[in-house]
Protein backbone atom coordinates (compact mmCIF):
# COMPACT_ATOMS: atom_id res chain seq x y z
CA UNK A 1 47.48 45.80 -14.47
CA UNK A 2 44.70 47.95 -14.99
CA UNK A 3 43.64 46.61 -19.10
CA UNK A 4 43.33 42.97 -16.39
CA UNK A 5 41.02 44.87 -14.00
CA UNK A 6 38.78 45.97 -17.01
CA UNK A 7 38.69 42.51 -18.66
CA UNK A 8 37.98 40.71 -15.31
CA UNK A 9 35.21 43.32 -14.31
CA UNK A 10 33.59 43.23 -17.40
CA UNK A 11 30.91 40.42 -18.20
CA UNK A 12 31.53 40.94 -21.97
CA UNK A 13 35.33 40.09 -21.78
CA UNK A 14 35.46 36.49 -23.44
CA UNK A 15 38.97 34.45 -22.02
CA UNK A 16 40.83 32.81 -25.10
CA UNK A 17 41.77 30.04 -22.62
CA UNK A 18 39.10 28.95 -21.21
CA UNK A 19 36.69 29.37 -23.78
CA UNK A 20 33.59 31.33 -21.49
CA UNK A 21 32.77 35.20 -21.77
CA UNK A 22 31.98 36.20 -17.71
CA UNK A 23 33.06 34.98 -14.70
CA UNK A 24 33.98 31.70 -15.75
CA UNK A 25 34.18 30.24 -11.81
CA UNK A 26 36.82 27.65 -10.60
CA UNK A 27 35.01 24.12 -11.50
CA UNK A 28 34.98 23.39 -14.94
CA UNK A 29 32.45 20.65 -14.42
CA UNK A 30 29.84 21.23 -12.09
CA UNK A 31 26.88 18.90 -10.41
CA UNK A 32 23.81 21.43 -10.27
CA UNK A 33 20.39 20.01 -9.01
CA UNK A 34 17.49 22.63 -9.72
CA UNK A 35 14.78 20.75 -8.08
CA UNK A 36 13.59 22.78 -4.61
CA UNK A 37 14.95 21.12 -1.56
CA UNK A 38 12.38 18.43 -0.66
CA UNK A 39 11.75 16.69 2.64
CA UNK A 40 11.06 13.08 2.73
CA UNK A 41 8.22 11.42 4.48
CA UNK A 42 7.76 7.94 6.03
CA UNK A 43 4.66 6.64 5.16
CA UNK A 44 3.38 3.39 7.98
CA UNK A 45 0.32 1.55 7.32
CA UNK A 46 -1.12 -0.04 10.00
CA UNK A 47 -2.87 -2.97 9.24
CA UNK A 48 -4.02 -6.84 10.00
CA UNK A 49 -4.43 -9.57 6.91
CA UNK A 50 -8.13 -10.30 8.58
CA UNK A 51 -8.60 -6.41 8.89
CA UNK A 52 -11.98 -6.03 6.74
CA UNK A 53 -12.05 -1.87 6.24
CA UNK A 54 -8.14 -2.65 5.56
CA UNK A 55 -9.37 -4.49 2.70
CA UNK A 56 -12.42 -1.66 1.89
CA UNK A 57 -9.44 0.89 1.49
CA UNK A 58 -7.43 -0.72 -0.99
CA UNK A 59 -8.97 1.05 -3.36
CA UNK A 60 -8.02 4.38 -2.22
CA UNK A 61 -4.91 3.94 -1.06
CA UNK A 62 -3.33 2.34 -4.22
CA UNK A 63 -4.24 5.50 -6.03
CA UNK A 64 -2.63 7.76 -3.15
CA UNK A 65 0.43 5.60 -3.42
CA UNK A 66 0.46 5.83 -7.48
CA UNK A 67 0.06 9.31 -7.65
CA UNK A 68 2.05 10.69 -4.77
CA UNK A 69 4.33 7.64 -3.97
CA UNK A 70 7.41 9.92 -4.97
CA UNK A 71 7.05 12.00 -1.49
CA UNK A 72 7.04 9.32 0.91
CA UNK A 73 8.39 5.57 1.50
CA UNK A 74 5.89 3.24 3.05
CA UNK A 75 6.14 0.95 5.77
CA UNK A 76 3.40 -1.56 6.25
CA UNK A 77 3.11 -2.47 10.08
CA UNK A 78 1.30 -5.36 11.15
CA UNK A 79 -0.82 -4.22 14.49
CA UNK A 80 -1.85 -7.78 15.65
CA UNK A 81 -6.15 -7.55 15.21
CA UNK A 82 -6.89 -10.92 16.80
CA UNK A 83 -4.70 -13.16 19.55
CA UNK A 84 -6.91 -15.59 19.94
CA UNK A 85 -10.43 -15.90 20.65
CA UNK A 86 -10.32 -16.27 24.45
CA UNK A 87 -11.40 -13.66 26.18
CA UNK A 88 -11.55 -11.81 22.77
CA UNK A 89 -14.00 -8.95 22.40
CA UNK A 90 -14.44 -5.98 20.08
CA UNK A 91 -17.88 -4.30 22.55
CA UNK A 92 -18.37 -1.40 19.39
CA UNK A 93 -19.12 -3.75 16.61
CA UNK A 94 -21.11 -6.50 18.93
CA UNK A 95 -18.36 -9.19 18.54
CA UNK A 96 -17.66 -11.56 21.04
CA UNK A 97 -17.66 -14.81 19.23
CA UNK A 98 -16.36 -16.18 15.66
CA UNK A 99 -20.11 -16.17 14.43
CA UNK A 100 -20.94 -12.01 15.42
CA UNK A 101 -18.52 -11.48 12.29
CA UNK A 102 -19.63 -12.76 9.61
CA UNK A 103 -22.55 -9.92 9.52
CA UNK A 104 -19.88 -7.14 10.31
CA UNK A 105 -17.88 -8.39 7.45
CA UNK A 106 -20.93 -8.44 4.72
CA UNK A 107 -22.24 -4.79 5.98
CA UNK A 108 -18.23 -3.66 5.44
CA UNK A 109 -18.06 -5.36 1.72
CA UNK A 110 -21.97 -4.13 0.99
CA UNK A 111 -20.91 -0.19 2.00
CA UNK A 112 -17.78 -0.01 0.19
CA UNK A 113 -18.48 -2.86 -2.80
CA UNK A 114 -15.09 -4.58 -2.20
CA UNK A 115 -16.83 -8.11 -2.16
CA UNK A 116 -16.38 -9.69 1.23
CA UNK A 117 -18.06 -13.41 1.41
CA UNK A 118 -17.67 -13.58 5.20
CA UNK A 119 -19.57 -16.88 5.93
CA UNK A 120 -16.49 -19.22 6.80
CA UNK A 121 -16.80 -17.28 10.49
CA UNK A 122 -19.84 -19.54 10.63
CA UNK A 123 -18.14 -22.89 9.92
CA UNK A 124 -14.53 -22.76 9.52
CA UNK A 125 -13.63 -19.38 11.35
CA UNK A 126 -9.92 -17.72 11.49
CA UNK A 127 -8.37 -19.13 15.35
CA UNK A 128 -5.92 -15.78 15.05
CA UNK A 129 -4.53 -13.39 12.73
CA UNK A 130 -0.62 -14.40 14.16
CA UNK A 131 -0.15 -17.12 11.69
CA UNK A 132 -0.36 -14.92 8.16
CA UNK A 133 1.00 -11.84 9.95
CA UNK A 134 4.04 -13.90 10.64
CA UNK A 135 4.37 -15.30 7.13
CA UNK A 136 3.61 -11.59 5.75
CA UNK A 137 6.88 -10.39 7.85
CA UNK A 138 9.26 -13.33 6.88
CA UNK A 139 8.47 -12.32 3.66
CA UNK A 140 8.95 -8.59 3.89
CA UNK A 141 11.89 -9.07 5.17
CA UNK A 142 13.11 -10.82 2.05
CA UNK A 143 10.89 -8.33 -0.13
CA UNK A 144 8.96 -5.82 0.88
CA UNK A 145 7.31 -6.11 -2.87
CA UNK A 146 6.54 -9.71 -2.26
CA UNK A 147 5.32 -8.89 1.39
CA UNK A 148 2.99 -6.49 -0.42
CA UNK A 149 1.91 -9.24 -2.76
CA UNK A 150 1.37 -11.96 -0.31
CA UNK A 151 -1.23 -9.58 2.37
CA UNK A 152 -3.13 -8.69 -1.44
CA UNK A 153 -3.35 -12.69 -1.90
CA UNK A 154 -4.25 -13.52 1.61
CA UNK A 155 -7.03 -10.92 2.15
CA UNK A 156 -7.98 -11.90 -1.52
CA UNK A 157 -8.53 -15.89 -0.42
CA UNK A 158 -9.66 -14.54 3.16
CA UNK A 159 -12.57 -12.01 2.10
CA UNK A 160 -13.55 -12.44 -1.42
CA UNK A 161 -13.04 -16.27 -1.90
CA UNK A 162 -13.95 -17.36 2.09
CA UNK A 163 -11.04 -19.17 2.56
CA UNK A 164 -9.29 -19.61 6.02
CA UNK A 165 -5.91 -17.75 5.99
CA UNK A 166 -5.00 -18.86 9.25
CA UNK A 167 -4.87 -22.69 8.01
CA UNK A 168 -1.59 -23.84 7.33
CA UNK A 169 -2.26 -25.37 4.00
CA UNK A 170 -3.99 -22.41 3.00
CA UNK A 171 -1.08 -20.66 3.56
CA UNK A 172 1.19 -22.65 1.57
CA UNK A 173 -1.12 -22.93 -1.32
CA UNK A 174 -1.00 -18.68 -1.39
CA UNK A 175 2.77 -18.24 -1.09
CA UNK A 176 3.33 -21.47 -3.56
CA UNK A 177 1.57 -19.58 -5.92
CA UNK A 178 3.77 -16.60 -5.99
CA UNK A 179 6.65 -18.88 -6.77
CA UNK A 180 8.15 -19.02 -3.32
CA UNK A 181 8.18 -22.28 -1.69
CA UNK A 182 5.51 -22.47 0.90
CA UNK A 183 6.42 -24.80 2.90
CA UNK A 184 9.95 -23.08 3.87
CA UNK A 185 8.25 -19.75 4.56
CA UNK A 186 5.20 -21.27 6.86
CA UNK A 187 7.63 -23.48 8.69
CA UNK A 188 9.96 -20.30 9.13
CA UNK A 189 7.27 -18.27 9.90
CA UNK A 190 6.71 -20.28 12.90
CA UNK A 191 10.28 -20.12 14.36
CA UNK A 192 11.10 -17.18 17.35
CA UNK A 193 12.55 -15.59 13.98
CA UNK A 194 8.83 -15.01 12.77
CA UNK A 195 7.71 -14.36 16.46
CA UNK A 196 10.39 -11.45 16.79
CA UNK A 197 9.87 -10.05 13.47
CA UNK A 198 5.78 -9.64 14.17
CA UNK A 199 6.74 -8.48 18.09
CA UNK A 200 8.75 -6.04 16.42
CA UNK A 201 5.93 -4.28 14.65
CA UNK A 202 3.60 -4.72 17.52
CA UNK A 203 5.98 -2.41 19.71
CA UNK A 204 6.66 -0.16 16.82
CA UNK A 205 2.95 0.37 16.51
CA UNK A 206 2.12 1.37 20.00
CA UNK A 207 4.92 3.91 19.77
CA UNK A 208 2.99 5.50 16.88
CA UNK A 209 -0.03 5.31 19.34
CA UNK A 210 -2.04 3.01 16.91
CA UNK A 211 -5.07 1.56 19.10
CA UNK A 212 -7.25 0.43 15.72
CA UNK A 213 -6.62 -0.60 12.31
CA UNK A 214 -6.59 1.09 9.86
CA UNK A 215 -4.35 3.31 10.45
CA UNK A 216 -2.17 5.98 8.24
CA UNK A 217 1.04 7.67 10.32
CA UNK A 218 2.74 10.33 8.64
CA UNK A 219 5.83 10.94 10.17
CA UNK A 220 8.96 13.74 8.46
CA UNK A 221 12.58 14.36 9.11
CA UNK A 222 11.46 16.38 12.38
CA UNK A 223 9.96 13.58 13.80
CA UNK A 224 6.60 15.15 13.51
CA UNK A 225 3.61 14.21 11.62
CA UNK A 226 -0.20 13.06 11.52
CA UNK A 227 -2.31 10.06 12.17
CA UNK A 228 -5.58 9.36 10.20
CA UNK A 229 -7.57 6.24 11.51
CA UNK A 230 -9.81 4.62 9.86
CA UNK A 231 -10.38 4.22 5.80
CA UNK A 232 -10.77 8.10 4.50
CA UNK A 233 -11.09 9.77 1.27
CA UNK A 234 -8.02 10.43 -0.81
CA UNK A 235 -8.05 13.87 -0.61
CA UNK A 236 -7.60 13.38 3.51
CA UNK A 237 -4.50 11.28 2.87
CA UNK A 238 -3.02 14.34 0.02
CA UNK A 239 -3.90 17.30 2.79
CA UNK A 240 -2.08 15.14 5.74
CA UNK A 241 1.15 14.77 3.42
CA UNK A 242 1.24 18.10 2.34
CA UNK A 243 0.81 19.14 6.07
CA UNK A 244 3.95 16.62 7.16
CA UNK A 245 5.90 17.49 4.26
CA UNK A 246 4.86 21.74 5.23
CA UNK A 247 3.84 22.13 1.44
CA UNK A 248 1.03 22.74 -0.64
CA UNK A 249 0.32 21.78 -4.70
CA UNK A 250 2.23 18.58 -4.42
CA UNK A 251 2.32 17.40 -8.26
CA UNK A 252 0.48 13.97 -8.61
CA UNK A 253 2.10 11.29 -11.10
CA UNK A 254 0.03 10.17 -13.64
CA UNK A 255 -1.70 6.99 -12.91
CA UNK A 256 -0.73 3.54 -14.78
CA UNK A 257 -2.19 2.60 -17.33
CA UNK A 258 -5.24 -0.04 -17.13
CA UNK A 259 -2.96 -2.67 -18.82
CA UNK A 260 0.16 -1.94 -16.46
CA UNK A 261 -2.13 -2.30 -13.23
CA UNK A 262 -3.29 -5.54 -14.35
CA UNK A 263 -0.39 -7.16 -14.91
CA UNK A 264 1.37 -6.29 -11.40
CA UNK A 265 -2.03 -6.83 -9.97
CA UNK A 266 -3.41 -9.83 -11.28
CA UNK A 267 -6.80 -9.52 -10.09
CA UNK A 268 -8.77 -5.96 -9.98
CA UNK A 269 -12.41 -5.22 -8.69
CA UNK A 270 -14.41 -3.18 -10.38
CA UNK A 271 -14.65 -0.13 -7.56
CA UNK A 272 -10.13 -0.28 -7.32
CA UNK A 273 -10.96 0.34 -11.34
CA UNK A 274 -13.20 3.36 -10.59
CA UNK A 275 -11.22 4.83 -7.78
CA UNK A 276 -8.06 4.83 -9.85
CA UNK A 277 -9.90 6.23 -13.50
CA UNK A 278 -12.22 8.64 -11.60
CA UNK A 279 -15.05 6.36 -13.49
CA UNK A 280 -18.63 5.53 -12.82
CA UNK A 281 -19.87 2.36 -13.06
CA UNK A 282 -21.64 2.09 -15.70
CA UNK A 283 -18.49 3.09 -17.50
CA UNK A 284 -16.17 0.12 -16.52
CA UNK A 285 -17.58 -2.24 -19.30
CA UNK A 286 -16.95 0.15 -21.85
CA UNK A 287 -13.32 0.99 -20.71
CA UNK A 288 -12.16 -1.97 -20.21
CA UNK A 289 -12.69 -2.64 -24.42
CA UNK A 290 -10.97 0.66 -24.66
CA UNK A 291 -8.01 -0.37 -22.28
CA UNK A 292 -7.12 -4.11 -23.05
CA UNK A 293 -7.30 -6.58 -25.83
CA UNK A 294 -9.79 -9.09 -24.93
CA UNK A 295 -7.87 -11.31 -24.93
CA UNK A 296 -5.60 -10.23 -22.21
CA UNK A 297 -8.28 -10.63 -19.43
CA UNK A 298 -11.40 -12.71 -18.03
CA UNK A 299 -14.61 -10.82 -17.11
CA UNK A 300 -16.27 -12.18 -13.38
CA UNK A 301 -18.74 -11.78 -11.32
CA UNK A 302 -18.58 -12.13 -7.35
CA UNK A 303 -21.00 -11.48 -4.61
CA UNK A 304 -22.58 -9.11 -7.30
CA UNK A 305 -19.23 -7.57 -8.00
CA UNK A 306 -17.53 -7.87 -10.82
CA UNK A 307 -13.98 -8.17 -11.73
CA UNK A 308 -11.26 -8.70 -13.96
CA UNK A 309 -8.57 -11.25 -14.08
CA UNK A 310 -5.31 -11.81 -16.02
CA UNK A 311 -4.78 -13.91 -18.82
CA UNK A 312 -1.57 -15.86 -18.93
């Protein structure tokens, strides 16, 4: 008995049966996780398909999600920027009629260097942002990633290529080029289902206290969080995420290669490349030649800004 006690208290004692020197414990196979316990954050991005400042935010938001997306679950929420022009007025930005939007959009495009034409507001203006919002919600319900793709394609269409994305034929064309059935999806968006999904987002945005776009709300497991209104620097979003998590020194993941990014996005503007890879505008051409084969992309220019498009 004394010998058994001595062996059980001796870390150098080896058991011939278990093959373990020291205490074998009770479990032969034990699952362990050496990662520190981590809270999860829900990130709500409240936006609208025709929000010009949301378009300006795209380069920063893409980089933020690429580097820190492992810390949060991303959810895009539409907030309803323009129901219609009857009674609409944006006094702060001096907008009371469609033609007033053109100058505002051009100003945002010039400041952000995310190109915006805006002349459609003079001769083919958008009646409401609700129709493309409903199409987005129908696609998002089926596949969140495809919803993101639609929102991106719709913004390219309206801001850069001056297409009226409130028009049914334009929405059908955008969805068709995504490889989906444009007529079926746009038709479904016009039903009660599309309306209900959109209004659920409106209610969520209201519950988050959102009154303008873009607004980012980060909420942790304790239902506490941070709200950021308007486009901000990436450092602002990192600090907000740290505050929501109650943690400092978050580890950024490597950003995707330009090949990977272009394959996913299809079209990228110079500002987006600069922000993702910490480049000066003058360095972009050399970077493209270094990272991409000449037959992989076409280099174009619009509204004074360069952009690249994937060659399929």
